[in-house]
C-alpha atoms as a PDB file:
ATOM      1  CA  UNK A   1     106.293  93.653 141.222  1.00  0.00           C
ATOM      2  CA  UNK A   2     104.552  94.410 137.937  1.00  0.00           C
ATOM      3  CA  UNK A   3     106.733  93.040 135.148  1.00  0.00           C
ATOM      4  CA  UNK A   4     104.473  93.649 132.128  1.00  0.00           C
ATOM      5  CA  UNK A   5     105.970  96.413 130.016  1.00  0.00           C
ATOM      6  CA  UNK A   6     104.408  98.431 127.213  1.00  0.00           C
ATOM      7  CA  UNK A   7     106.459 100.355 124.651  1.00  0.00           C
ATOM      8  CA  UNK A   8     105.146 103.246 122.538  1.00  0.00           C
ATOM      9  CA  UNK A   9     104.972 102.695 118.797  1.00  0.00           C
ATOM     10  CA  UNK A  10     103.486 105.830 117.234  1.00  0.00           C
ATOM     11  CA  UNK A  11     100.016 106.198 118.756  1.00  0.00           C
ATOM     12  CA  UNK A  12      99.895 102.500 119.788  1.00  0.00           C
ATOM     13  CA  UNK A  13     101.365 100.543 122.684  1.00  0.00           C
ATOM     14  CA  UNK A  14     103.135  97.211 122.200  1.00  0.00           C
ATOM     15  CA  UNK A  15     102.659  95.144 125.384  1.00  0.00           C
ATOM     16  CA  UNK A  16     104.761  92.182 126.506  1.00  0.00           C
ATOM     17  CA  UNK A  17     104.229  90.250 129.719  1.00  0.00           C
ATOM     18  CA  UNK A  18     102.668  87.309 131.516  1.00  0.00           C
ATOM     19  CA  UNK A  19      99.709  87.364 133.892  1.00  0.00           C
ATOM     20  CA  UNK A  20      99.691  84.188 135.954  1.00  0.00           C
ATOM     21  CA  UNK A  21      96.092  84.327 137.203  1.00  0.00           C
ATOM     22  CA  UNK A  22      93.529  86.168 135.127  1.00  0.00           C
ATOM     23  CA  UNK A  23      90.135  85.636 136.773  1.00  0.00           C
ATOM     24  CA  UNK A  24      87.553  84.358 134.282  1.00  0.00           C
ATOM     25  CA  UNK A  25      90.223  84.540 131.586  1.00  0.00           C
ATOM     26  CA  UNK A  26      88.817  81.560 129.713  1.00  0.00           C
ATOM     27  CA  UNK A  27      85.421  83.225 129.156  1.00  0.00           C
ATOM     28  CA  UNK A  28      86.322  86.939 129.199  1.00  0.00           C
ATOM     29  CA  UNK A  29      85.448  89.179 126.253  1.00  0.00           C
ATOM     30  CA  UNK A  30      88.187  91.630 127.228  1.00  0.00           C
ATOM     31  CA  UNK A  31      91.172  91.879 129.549  1.00  0.00           C
ATOM     32  CA  UNK A  32      92.324  94.646 131.859  1.00  0.00           C
ATOM     33  CA  UNK A  33      96.105  94.746 131.591  1.00  0.00           C
ATOM     34  CA  UNK A  34      98.133  96.462 134.314  1.00  0.00           C
ATOM     35  CA  UNK A  35     101.546  97.483 132.987  1.00  0.00           C
ATOM     36  CA  UNK A  36     104.534  99.500 134.168  1.00  0.00           C
ATOM     37  CA  UNK A  37     104.800 102.543 131.886  1.00  0.00           C
ATOM     38  CA  UNK A  38     107.231 104.606 133.981  1.00  0.00           C
ATOM     39  CA  UNK A  39     109.770 102.600 136.018  1.00  0.00           C
ATOM     40  CA  UNK A  40     111.426 105.789 137.319  1.00  0.00           C
ATOM     41  CA  UNK A  41     108.584 106.724 139.683  1.00  0.00           C
ATOM     42  CA  UNK A  42     106.767 104.969 142.519  1.00  0.00           C
ATOM     43  CA  UNK A  43     104.745 102.010 141.151  1.00  0.00           C
ATOM     44  CA  UNK A  44     101.463 103.635 142.212  1.00  0.00           C
ATOM     45  CA  UNK A  45     102.230 106.456 139.795  1.00  0.00           C
ATOM     46  CA  UNK A  46     104.104 104.551 137.088  1.00  0.00           C
ATOM     47  CA  UNK A  47     101.453 101.990 136.142  1.00  0.00           C
ATOM     48  CA  UNK A  48      98.763 102.192 133.488  1.00  0.00           C
ATOM     49  CA  UNK A  49      95.754  99.980 132.828  1.00  0.00           C
ATOM     50  CA  UNK A  50      94.925  98.988 129.264  1.00  0.00           C
ATOM     51  CA  UNK A  51      91.720  97.399 127.941  1.00  0.00           C
ATOM     52  CA  UNK A  52      92.241  94.754 125.276  1.00  0.00           C
ATOM     53  CA  UNK A  53      89.635  92.644 123.539  1.00  0.00           C
ATOM     54  CA  UNK A  54      89.996  88.888 123.705  1.00  0.00           C
ATOM     55  CA  UNK A  55      90.833  88.665 119.994  1.00  0.00           C
ATOM     56  CA  UNK A  56      93.756  91.116 120.186  1.00  0.00           C
ATOM     57  CA  UNK A  57      96.705  89.553 118.312  1.00  0.00           C
ATOM     58  CA  UNK A  58      99.433  88.587 120.772  1.00  0.00           C
ATOM     59  CA  UNK A  59      97.106  87.664 123.663  1.00  0.00           C
ATOM     60  CA  UNK A  60      97.112  83.951 124.404  1.00  0.00           C
ATOM     61  CA  UNK A  61      95.597  81.914 127.233  1.00  0.00           C
ATOM     62  CA  UNK A  62      98.350  79.440 128.045  1.00  0.00           C
ATOM     63  CA  UNK A  63      96.519  77.255 130.560  1.00  0.00           C
ATOM     64  CA  UNK A  64      93.839  77.158 133.205  1.00  0.00           C
ATOM     65  CA  UNK A  65      94.974  77.316 136.818  1.00  0.00           C
ATOM     66  CA  UNK A  66      92.587  75.381 139.070  1.00  0.00           C
ATOM     67  CA  UNK A  67      91.741  77.050 142.369  1.00  0.00           C
ATOM     68  CA  UNK A  68      91.231  74.776 145.379  1.00  0.00           C
ATOM     69  CA  UNK A  69      90.971  71.767 143.079  1.00  0.00           C
ATOM     70  CA  UNK A  70      87.938  72.876 141.066  1.00  0.00           C
ATOM     71  CA  UNK A  71      87.175  75.062 138.094  1.00  0.00           C
ATOM     72  CA  UNK A  72      84.791  77.833 139.074  1.00  0.00           C
ATOM     73  CA  UNK A  73      82.791  80.122 136.755  1.00  0.00           C
ATOM     74  CA  UNK A  74      85.469  81.056 134.225  1.00  0.00           C
ATOM     75  CA  UNK A  75      88.561  79.714 135.868  1.00  0.00           C
ATOM     76  CA  UNK A  76      91.817  81.564 136.355  1.00  0.00           C
ATOM     77  CA  UNK A  77      93.820  81.562 133.167  1.00  0.00           C
ATOM     78  CA  UNK A  78      97.520  82.105 132.689  1.00  0.00           C
ATOM     79  CA  UNK A  79      97.734  84.744 129.933  1.00  0.00           C
ATOM     80  CA  UNK A  80     100.738  85.811 127.877  1.00  0.00           C
ATOM     81  CA  UNK A  81     101.066  89.076 126.001  1.00  0.00           C
ATOM     82  CA  UNK A  82     103.488  88.794 123.104  1.00  0.00           C
ATOM     83  CA  UNK A  83     103.679  92.089 121.246  1.00  0.00           C
ATOM     84  CA  UNK A  84      99.969  92.726 121.854  1.00  0.00           C
ATOM     85  CA  UNK A  85      99.116  96.042 120.176  1.00  0.00           C
ATOM     86  CA  UNK A  86      96.701  98.502 121.782  1.00  0.00           C
ATOM     87  CA  UNK A  87      95.706 101.995 120.674  1.00  0.00           C
END
């Protein structure tokens, strides 16, 4: 069910996707991005995790998603990745 897709660009990865609930997204210094790098194998083998700092161009917190009616420690942000570049 992972829809976020990275594409190689030289030694970098260009990542596009949308994470609906990113725990503590509003206050995080970095994000762990799970993306499908090889759709031809079982998802357990075809996914890769990327670390991206909060200030990476292309990463945007779209909105906060309240959980059970309240905002806890850092909330649960909806995050988009629009051509976010990672090495």
